[in-house]
Amino acid sequence: MKFVCPLIVVDDIARSRKFYEEVLRQEVEYDFGENVQFKGAHAIHLKEHYRTLLGGNDHEIAHKANNMELYFETDDVTGDYDRLKAANVDFVHELNEQPWGQRVVRFYDPDGHIVEIGETMQAVVLRFHQEGDSVEEICAKSCMPKEFVEMVIKG
């Protein structure tokens, strides 16, 4: 068995597709009308159609349940954060640093699903290295193994 991708249910397929393409720069791999699959990431599915797949309209589909998130990584978390602000997204929280040193931002997509964008751990290691931290300090702060830290620093 192979896991393929998460599928999230949306109220308006066109609005959600536009959000993921324009705000998060995702590329569509397949568009089946009521279902759109993005390259290597996730899929969105129109709520009314998805309900029929569940066997009827008596199944509740909750938005803004805050029980899962779509996670993306970037080498430019500050630039992406600025783009999110310009797009007036509904932030769960502003850009902040996690206990392991990774800078992340969380926000809601148009249907209330949490989306997280975090800097890559390679970017975290390089940032700590540029700030003058030793390999051992970087390992302690980032929880990353020494081999990984040394590989990233060496390029």
N, C-alpha and C. Protein backbone atom coordinates (compact mmCIF):
# COMPACT_ATOMS: atom_id res chain seq x y z
N MET A 1 0.84 -1.18 0.00
CA MET A 1 0.00 0.00 0.00
C MET A 1 0.89 1.24 0.00
N LYS A 2 0.45 2.25 -0.72
CA LYS A 2 1.22 3.50 -0.83
C LYS A 2 0.30 4.68 -0.53
N PHE A 3 0.72 5.53 0.40
CA PHE A 3 -0.01 6.76 0.68
C PHE A 3 0.20 7.71 -0.49
N VAL A 4 -0.88 8.32 -0.98
CA VAL A 4 -0.77 9.19 -2.14
C VAL A 4 -0.78 10.65 -1.74
N CYS A 5 -1.84 11.11 -1.07
CA CYS A 5 -1.89 12.52 -0.68
C CYS A 5 -3.11 12.76 0.19
N PRO A 6 -3.09 13.84 0.98
CA PRO A 6 -4.32 14.23 1.68
C PRO A 6 -5.29 14.88 0.70
N LEU A 7 -6.55 14.67 0.94
CA LEU A 7 -7.61 15.29 0.14
C LEU A 7 -8.45 16.13 1.09
N ILE A 8 -8.59 17.41 0.81
CA ILE A 8 -9.40 18.26 1.67
C ILE A 8 -10.66 18.67 0.93
N VAL A 9 -11.73 18.82 1.68
CA VAL A 9 -13.04 19.15 1.12
C VAL A 9 -13.22 20.66 1.14
N VAL A 10 -13.70 21.20 0.01
CA VAL A 10 -13.85 22.65 -0.13
C VAL A 10 -15.25 23.01 -0.60
N ASP A 11 -15.70 24.20 -0.26
CA ASP A 11 -17.03 24.67 -0.68
C ASP A 11 -17.06 25.15 -2.12
N ASP A 12 -15.98 25.75 -2.58
CA ASP A 12 -15.92 26.36 -3.91
C ASP A 12 -14.61 25.94 -4.57
N ILE A 13 -14.68 25.03 -5.50
CA ILE A 13 -13.47 24.46 -6.10
C ILE A 13 -12.66 25.53 -6.84
N ALA A 14 -13.33 26.45 -7.53
CA ALA A 14 -12.61 27.49 -8.28
C ALA A 14 -11.87 28.43 -7.33
N ARG A 15 -12.53 28.83 -6.25
CA ARG A 15 -11.90 29.72 -5.27
C ARG A 15 -10.69 29.05 -4.63
N SER A 16 -10.84 27.79 -4.24
CA SER A 16 -9.74 27.08 -3.60
C SER A 16 -8.59 26.83 -4.57
N ARG A 17 -8.94 26.44 -5.79
CA ARG A 17 -7.89 26.22 -6.79
C ARG A 17 -7.10 27.51 -7.00
N LYS A 18 -7.78 28.62 -7.13
CA LYS A 18 -7.11 29.91 -7.33
C LYS A 18 -6.19 30.22 -6.15
N PHE A 19 -6.66 29.98 -4.93
CA PHE A 19 -5.87 30.23 -3.73
C PHE A 19 -4.58 29.40 -3.75
N TYR A 20 -4.72 28.10 -3.99
CA TYR A 20 -3.54 27.24 -3.97
C TYR A 20 -2.59 27.52 -5.14
N GLU A 21 -3.12 27.89 -6.27
CA GLU A 21 -2.26 28.23 -7.41
C GLU A 21 -1.59 29.58 -7.23
N GLU A 22 -2.36 30.60 -6.86
CA GLU A 22 -1.83 31.96 -6.82
C GLU A 22 -1.11 32.29 -5.52
N VAL A 23 -1.69 31.92 -4.39
CA VAL A 23 -1.08 32.29 -3.11
C VAL A 23 0.04 31.32 -2.73
N LEU A 24 -0.19 30.02 -2.92
CA LEU A 24 0.81 29.03 -2.52
C LEU A 24 1.63 28.48 -3.68
N ARG A 25 1.38 28.99 -4.89
CA ARG A 25 2.17 28.64 -6.07
C ARG A 25 2.21 27.14 -6.36
N GLN A 26 1.10 26.48 -6.14
CA GLN A 26 1.00 25.06 -6.44
C GLN A 26 0.55 24.86 -7.88
N GLU A 27 1.05 23.81 -8.50
CA GLU A 27 0.71 23.52 -9.89
C GLU A 27 -0.28 22.36 -9.94
N VAL A 28 -1.30 22.51 -10.76
CA VAL A 28 -2.30 21.46 -10.92
C VAL A 28 -1.70 20.33 -11.74
N GLU A 29 -1.89 19.12 -11.23
CA GLU A 29 -1.49 17.93 -11.98
C GLU A 29 -2.67 17.37 -12.76
N TYR A 30 -3.83 17.27 -12.08
CA TYR A 30 -5.06 16.78 -12.71
C TYR A 30 -6.24 17.63 -12.25
N ASP A 31 -7.12 17.92 -13.18
CA ASP A 31 -8.36 18.64 -12.87
C ASP A 31 -9.52 17.80 -13.37
N PHE A 32 -10.27 17.23 -12.42
CA PHE A 32 -11.42 16.39 -12.75
C PHE A 32 -12.73 17.11 -12.50
N GLY A 33 -12.69 18.42 -12.44
CA GLY A 33 -13.90 19.20 -12.19
C GLY A 33 -14.17 19.34 -10.71
N GLU A 34 -14.78 18.32 -10.11
CA GLU A 34 -15.08 18.39 -8.67
C GLU A 34 -13.90 17.96 -7.81
N ASN A 35 -12.80 17.56 -8.44
CA ASN A 35 -11.60 17.15 -7.73
C ASN A 35 -10.39 17.67 -8.50
N VAL A 36 -9.48 18.33 -7.77
CA VAL A 36 -8.26 18.86 -8.38
C VAL A 36 -7.07 18.34 -7.58
N GLN A 37 -6.13 17.72 -8.28
CA GLN A 37 -4.91 17.20 -7.65
C GLN A 37 -3.75 18.12 -8.00
N PHE A 38 -3.01 18.54 -6.97
CA PHE A 38 -1.83 19.38 -7.18
C PHE A 38 -0.59 18.50 -7.23
N LYS A 39 0.40 18.90 -7.99
CA LYS A 39 1.62 18.11 -8.16
C LYS A 39 2.31 17.86 -6.82
N GLY A 40 2.43 16.60 -6.47
CA GLY A 40 3.20 16.20 -5.30
C GLY A 40 2.73 16.74 -3.97
N ALA A 41 1.51 17.24 -3.89
CA ALA A 41 1.12 17.89 -2.64
C ALA A 41 -0.17 17.31 -2.07
N HIS A 42 -1.27 17.73 -2.61
CA HIS A 42 -2.56 17.37 -2.05
C HIS A 42 -3.64 17.54 -3.11
N ALA A 43 -4.86 17.21 -2.71
CA ALA A 43 -6.00 17.36 -3.61
C ALA A 43 -7.11 18.11 -2.89
N ILE A 44 -7.94 18.79 -3.68
CA ILE A 44 -9.14 19.43 -3.14
C ILE A 44 -10.34 18.78 -3.82
N HIS A 45 -11.43 18.68 -3.07
CA HIS A 45 -12.63 18.01 -3.59
C HIS A 45 -13.85 18.83 -3.20
N LEU A 46 -14.74 19.04 -4.15
CA LEU A 46 -15.95 19.82 -3.92
C LEU A 46 -16.85 19.13 -2.91
N LYS A 47 -17.26 19.88 -1.88
CA LYS A 47 -18.02 19.31 -0.77
C LYS A 47 -19.29 18.59 -1.22
N GLU A 48 -20.07 19.21 -2.07
CA GLU A 48 -21.34 18.59 -2.47
C GLU A 48 -21.12 17.25 -3.16
N HIS A 49 -20.10 17.15 -3.98
CA HIS A 49 -19.80 15.87 -4.63
C HIS A 49 -19.23 14.87 -3.64
N TYR A 50 -18.35 15.33 -2.76
CA TYR A 50 -17.73 14.44 -1.77
C TYR A 50 -18.79 13.80 -0.88
N ARG A 51 -19.80 14.59 -0.51
CA ARG A 51 -20.89 14.05 0.31
C ARG A 51 -21.54 12.84 -0.36
N THR A 52 -21.73 12.92 -1.67
CA THR A 52 -22.36 11.79 -2.38
C THR A 52 -21.47 10.56 -2.32
N LEU A 53 -20.16 10.76 -2.31
CA LEU A 53 -19.24 9.63 -2.21
C LEU A 53 -19.31 8.96 -0.85
N LEU A 54 -19.72 9.73 0.15
CA LEU A 54 -19.88 9.17 1.50
C LEU A 54 -21.21 8.48 1.68
N GLY A 55 -22.07 8.56 0.68
CA GLY A 55 -23.34 7.85 0.75
C GLY A 55 -24.54 8.73 1.04
N GLY A 56 -24.39 10.02 1.01
CA GLY A 56 -25.54 10.89 1.22
C GLY A 56 -25.20 12.17 1.94
N ASN A 57 -26.22 12.98 2.16
CA ASN A 57 -26.04 14.30 2.76
C ASN A 57 -26.11 14.32 4.27
N ASP A 58 -26.23 13.15 4.91
CA ASP A 58 -26.34 13.16 6.36
C ASP A 58 -24.98 13.18 7.05
N HIS A 59 -23.89 13.20 6.30
CA HIS A 59 -22.56 13.26 6.89
C HIS A 59 -22.13 14.71 7.06
N GLU A 60 -21.77 15.06 8.29
CA GLU A 60 -21.31 16.42 8.55
C GLU A 60 -19.87 16.59 8.08
N ILE A 61 -19.62 17.67 7.39
CA ILE A 61 -18.27 18.02 6.96
C ILE A 61 -17.93 19.34 7.65
N ALA A 62 -16.99 19.28 8.58
CA ALA A 62 -16.67 20.44 9.40
C ALA A 62 -15.49 21.21 8.82
N HIS A 63 -15.65 22.52 8.76
CA HIS A 63 -14.54 23.39 8.38
C HIS A 63 -14.02 24.07 9.64
N LYS A 64 -12.79 24.48 9.60
CA LYS A 64 -12.09 25.13 10.72
C LYS A 64 -12.11 24.24 11.96
N ALA A 65 -11.93 22.93 11.74
CA ALA A 65 -11.90 21.99 12.85
C ALA A 65 -10.57 22.03 13.61
N ASN A 66 -9.55 22.61 13.00
CA ASN A 66 -8.23 22.74 13.62
C ASN A 66 -7.65 21.40 14.07
N ASN A 67 -7.92 20.35 13.31
CA ASN A 67 -7.43 19.03 13.70
C ASN A 67 -6.44 18.44 12.70
N MET A 68 -6.04 19.21 11.72
CA MET A 68 -5.01 18.79 10.76
C MET A 68 -4.48 20.03 10.06
N GLU A 69 -3.35 19.86 9.39
CA GLU A 69 -2.83 20.97 8.61
C GLU A 69 -2.11 20.44 7.38
N LEU A 70 -2.04 21.27 6.37
CA LEU A 70 -1.21 21.01 5.21
C LEU A 70 0.11 21.71 5.46
N TYR A 71 1.22 21.00 5.30
CA TYR A 71 2.53 21.53 5.64
C TYR A 71 3.38 21.70 4.39
N PHE A 72 3.88 22.91 4.22
CA PHE A 72 4.76 23.23 3.10
C PHE A 72 6.09 23.74 3.65
N GLU A 73 7.17 23.55 2.91
CA GLU A 73 8.47 24.10 3.29
C GLU A 73 8.97 25.03 2.20
N THR A 74 9.79 25.99 2.63
CA THR A 74 10.33 26.99 1.72
C THR A 74 11.72 27.40 2.18
N ASP A 75 12.52 27.88 1.24
CA ASP A 75 13.82 28.45 1.60
C ASP A 75 13.70 29.94 1.90
N ASP A 76 12.53 30.53 1.64
CA ASP A 76 12.32 31.97 1.84
C ASP A 76 11.04 32.20 2.64
N VAL A 77 11.04 31.79 3.89
CA VAL A 77 9.83 31.90 4.70
C VAL A 77 9.44 33.36 4.92
N THR A 78 10.40 34.26 5.01
CA THR A 78 10.08 35.68 5.20
C THR A 78 9.38 36.24 3.96
N GLY A 79 9.90 35.93 2.79
CA GLY A 79 9.28 36.39 1.55
C GLY A 79 7.89 35.82 1.37
N ASP A 80 7.73 34.53 1.69
CA ASP A 80 6.41 33.91 1.58
C ASP A 80 5.43 34.51 2.59
N TYR A 81 5.92 34.79 3.79
CA TYR A 81 5.09 35.43 4.81
C TYR A 81 4.61 36.80 4.32
N ASP A 82 5.50 37.56 3.71
CA ASP A 82 5.11 38.88 3.17
C ASP A 82 4.05 38.73 2.09
N ARG A 83 4.17 37.71 1.24
CA ARG A 83 3.15 37.47 0.20
C ARG A 83 1.81 37.11 0.82
N LEU A 84 1.85 36.33 1.91
CA LEU A 84 0.60 35.95 2.59
C LEU A 84 -0.08 37.19 3.18
N LYS A 85 0.71 38.07 3.78
CA LYS A 85 0.14 39.31 4.32
C LYS A 85 -0.50 40.13 3.21
N ALA A 86 0.18 40.22 2.08
CA ALA A 86 -0.35 40.99 0.94
C ALA A 86 -1.64 40.36 0.41
N ALA A 87 -1.77 39.05 0.56
CA ALA A 87 -2.97 38.34 0.10
C ALA A 87 -4.09 38.37 1.14
N ASN A 88 -3.83 39.01 2.29
CA ASN A 88 -4.82 39.14 3.37
C ASN A 88 -5.37 37.81 3.85
N VAL A 89 -4.48 36.82 4.04
CA VAL A 89 -4.94 35.54 4.56
C VAL A 89 -5.32 35.70 6.03
N ASP A 90 -6.11 34.77 6.52
CA ASP A 90 -6.53 34.73 7.92
C ASP A 90 -5.49 33.92 8.69
N PHE A 91 -4.62 34.61 9.43
CA PHE A 91 -3.52 33.94 10.13
C PHE A 91 -4.00 33.23 11.39
N VAL A 92 -3.50 32.01 11.59
CA VAL A 92 -3.63 31.33 12.88
C VAL A 92 -2.64 31.99 13.83
N HIS A 93 -1.42 32.20 13.34
CA HIS A 93 -0.42 32.98 14.05
C HIS A 93 0.55 33.57 13.04
N GLU A 94 1.18 34.64 13.43
CA GLU A 94 2.16 35.31 12.58
C GLU A 94 3.43 34.45 12.52
N LEU A 95 4.38 34.88 11.73
CA LEU A 95 5.66 34.19 11.61
C LEU A 95 6.32 34.13 12.99
N ASN A 96 6.67 32.92 13.43
CA ASN A 96 7.36 32.78 14.70
C ASN A 96 8.34 31.61 14.64
N GLU A 97 9.13 31.49 15.69
CA GLU A 97 10.15 30.44 15.73
C GLU A 97 9.70 29.32 16.66
N GLN A 98 9.76 28.10 16.16
CA GLN A 98 9.40 26.92 16.94
C GLN A 98 10.54 26.58 17.90
N PRO A 99 10.28 25.73 18.91
CA PRO A 99 11.33 25.39 19.88
C PRO A 99 12.60 24.81 19.26
N TRP A 100 12.51 24.19 18.08
CA TRP A 100 13.68 23.61 17.42
C TRP A 100 14.33 24.59 16.43
N GLY A 101 13.88 25.85 16.45
CA GLY A 101 14.52 26.90 15.67
C GLY A 101 13.92 27.19 14.32
N GLN A 102 13.00 26.37 13.87
CA GLN A 102 12.39 26.57 12.55
C GLN A 102 11.37 27.71 12.62
N ARG A 103 11.46 28.63 11.66
CA ARG A 103 10.48 29.71 11.57
C ARG A 103 9.30 29.25 10.72
N VAL A 104 8.09 29.44 11.25
CA VAL A 104 6.89 28.97 10.57
C VAL A 104 5.78 30.00 10.70
N VAL A 105 4.81 29.89 9.80
CA VAL A 105 3.59 30.68 9.87
C VAL A 105 2.44 29.72 9.59
N ARG A 106 1.33 29.90 10.29
CA ARG A 106 0.14 29.10 10.04
C ARG A 106 -1.03 30.04 9.75
N PHE A 107 -1.87 29.60 8.81
CA PHE A 107 -3.00 30.41 8.39
C PHE A 107 -4.09 29.48 7.87
N TYR A 108 -5.27 30.05 7.63
CA TYR A 108 -6.38 29.27 7.10
C TYR A 108 -6.49 29.47 5.59
N ASP A 109 -6.81 28.38 4.90
CA ASP A 109 -7.15 28.52 3.48
C ASP A 109 -8.60 29.03 3.41
N PRO A 110 -9.16 29.25 2.23
CA PRO A 110 -10.52 29.81 2.14
C PRO A 110 -11.61 28.97 2.80
N ASP A 111 -11.35 27.68 3.05
CA ASP A 111 -12.34 26.81 3.68
C ASP A 111 -12.02 26.49 5.13
N GLY A 112 -11.06 27.18 5.70
CA GLY A 112 -10.76 27.00 7.12
C GLY A 112 -9.81 25.87 7.44
N HIS A 113 -9.12 25.31 6.45
CA HIS A 113 -8.09 24.30 6.73
C HIS A 113 -6.81 25.02 7.10
N ILE A 114 -6.13 24.52 8.12
CA ILE A 114 -4.86 25.13 8.51
C ILE A 114 -3.78 24.76 7.51
N VAL A 115 -3.02 25.77 7.11
CA VAL A 115 -1.86 25.58 6.25
C VAL A 115 -0.66 26.13 7.00
N GLU A 116 0.41 25.36 7.01
CA GLU A 116 1.66 25.82 7.63
C GLU A 116 2.72 25.93 6.55
N ILE A 117 3.47 27.01 6.61
CA ILE A 117 4.66 27.15 5.78
C ILE A 117 5.83 27.33 6.73
N GLY A 118 6.80 26.44 6.62
CA GLY A 118 7.99 26.51 7.46
C GLY A 118 9.24 26.55 6.62
N GLU A 119 10.27 27.16 7.18
CA GLU A 119 11.54 27.14 6.45
C GLU A 119 12.09 25.72 6.51
N THR A 120 12.84 25.33 5.49
CA THR A 120 13.44 24.00 5.48
C THR A 120 14.41 23.89 6.64
N MET A 121 14.65 22.67 7.08
CA MET A 121 15.62 22.49 8.15
C MET A 121 17.03 22.80 7.66
N GLN A 122 17.27 22.67 6.36
CA GLN A 122 18.55 23.10 5.81
C GLN A 122 18.72 24.60 6.01
N ALA A 123 17.66 25.36 5.78
CA ALA A 123 17.71 26.81 5.97
C ALA A 123 17.92 27.15 7.44
N VAL A 124 17.32 26.38 8.33
CA VAL A 124 17.50 26.60 9.77
C VAL A 124 18.97 26.40 10.14
N VAL A 125 19.54 25.29 9.69
CA VAL A 125 20.95 25.00 9.98
C VAL A 125 21.84 26.11 9.44
N LEU A 126 21.63 26.52 8.21
CA LEU A 126 22.45 27.59 7.63
C LEU A 126 22.29 28.91 8.38
N ARG A 127 21.07 29.21 8.81
CA ARG A 127 20.84 30.45 9.57
C ARG A 127 21.62 30.41 10.88
N PHE A 128 21.54 29.29 11.60
CA PHE A 128 22.28 29.16 12.86
C PHE A 128 23.79 29.25 12.62
N HIS A 129 24.24 28.62 11.54
CA HIS A 129 25.67 28.64 11.21
C HIS A 129 26.12 30.07 10.90
N GLN A 130 25.31 30.81 10.15
CA GLN A 130 25.64 32.20 9.81
C GLN A 130 25.62 33.10 11.05
N GLU A 131 24.84 32.69 12.06
CA GLU A 131 24.81 33.45 13.32
C GLU A 131 25.99 33.10 14.21
N GLY A 132 26.84 32.15 13.77
CA GLY A 132 28.05 31.82 14.52
C GLY A 132 27.95 30.61 15.42
N ASP A 133 26.87 29.87 15.36
CA ASP A 133 26.73 28.68 16.21
C ASP A 133 27.63 27.56 15.72
N SER A 134 28.18 26.80 16.65
CA SER A 134 28.99 25.63 16.31
C SER A 134 28.08 24.49 15.88
N VAL A 135 28.67 23.44 15.30
CA VAL A 135 27.90 22.27 14.89
C VAL A 135 27.14 21.70 16.09
N GLU A 136 27.81 21.59 17.22
CA GLU A 136 27.18 21.04 18.42
C GLU A 136 26.01 21.91 18.89
N GLU A 137 26.19 23.23 18.83
CA GLU A 137 25.11 24.14 19.23
C GLU A 137 23.93 24.02 18.27
N ILE A 138 24.22 23.91 16.98
CA ILE A 138 23.15 23.76 15.99
C ILE A 138 22.39 22.47 16.23
N CYS A 139 23.10 21.39 16.49
CA CYS A 139 22.45 20.10 16.77
C CYS A 139 21.54 20.22 17.99
N ALA A 140 22.04 20.85 19.03
CA ALA A 140 21.25 20.99 20.26
C ALA A 140 20.01 21.85 20.03
N LYS A 141 20.16 22.96 19.30
CA LYS A 141 19.03 23.87 19.07
C LYS A 141 18.00 23.29 18.10
N SER A 142 18.48 22.62 17.06
CA SER A 142 17.57 22.18 15.99
C SER A 142 17.09 20.74 16.13
N CYS A 143 17.71 19.98 17.03
CA CYS A 143 17.40 18.55 17.20
C CYS A 143 17.77 17.73 15.97
N MET A 144 18.59 18.28 15.11
CA MET A 144 19.02 17.56 13.90
C MET A 144 20.30 16.79 14.19
N PRO A 145 20.48 15.63 13.54
CA PRO A 145 21.70 14.84 13.77
C PRO A 145 22.95 15.54 13.23
N LYS A 146 24.06 15.25 13.86
CA LYS A 146 25.33 15.88 13.50
C LYS A 146 25.67 15.68 12.02
N GLU A 147 25.41 14.49 11.49
CA GLU A 147 25.72 14.19 10.09
C GLU A 147 24.95 15.13 9.16
N PHE A 148 23.69 15.38 9.48
CA PHE A 148 22.87 16.27 8.67
C PHE A 148 23.41 17.70 8.73
N VAL A 149 23.70 18.17 9.93
CA VAL A 149 24.20 19.54 10.12
C VAL A 149 25.51 19.73 9.35
N GLU A 150 26.42 18.78 9.49
CA GLU A 150 27.71 18.90 8.78
C GLU A 150 27.52 18.87 7.27
N MET A 151 26.63 18.02 6.78
CA MET A 151 26.36 17.93 5.35
C MET A 151 25.81 19.25 4.81
N VAL A 152 24.89 19.86 5.55
CA VAL A 152 24.29 21.12 5.12
C VAL A 152 25.34 22.24 5.11
N ILE A 153 26.15 22.30 6.13
CA ILE A 153 27.16 23.35 6.22
C ILE A 153 28.19 23.21 5.10
N LYS A 154 28.57 21.98 4.79
CA LYS A 154 29.56 21.75 3.72
C LYS A 154 28.98 22.03 2.34
N GLY A 155 27.66 21.96 2.24
CA GLY A 155 27.01 22.24 0.96
C GLY A 155 27.01 21.04 0.11
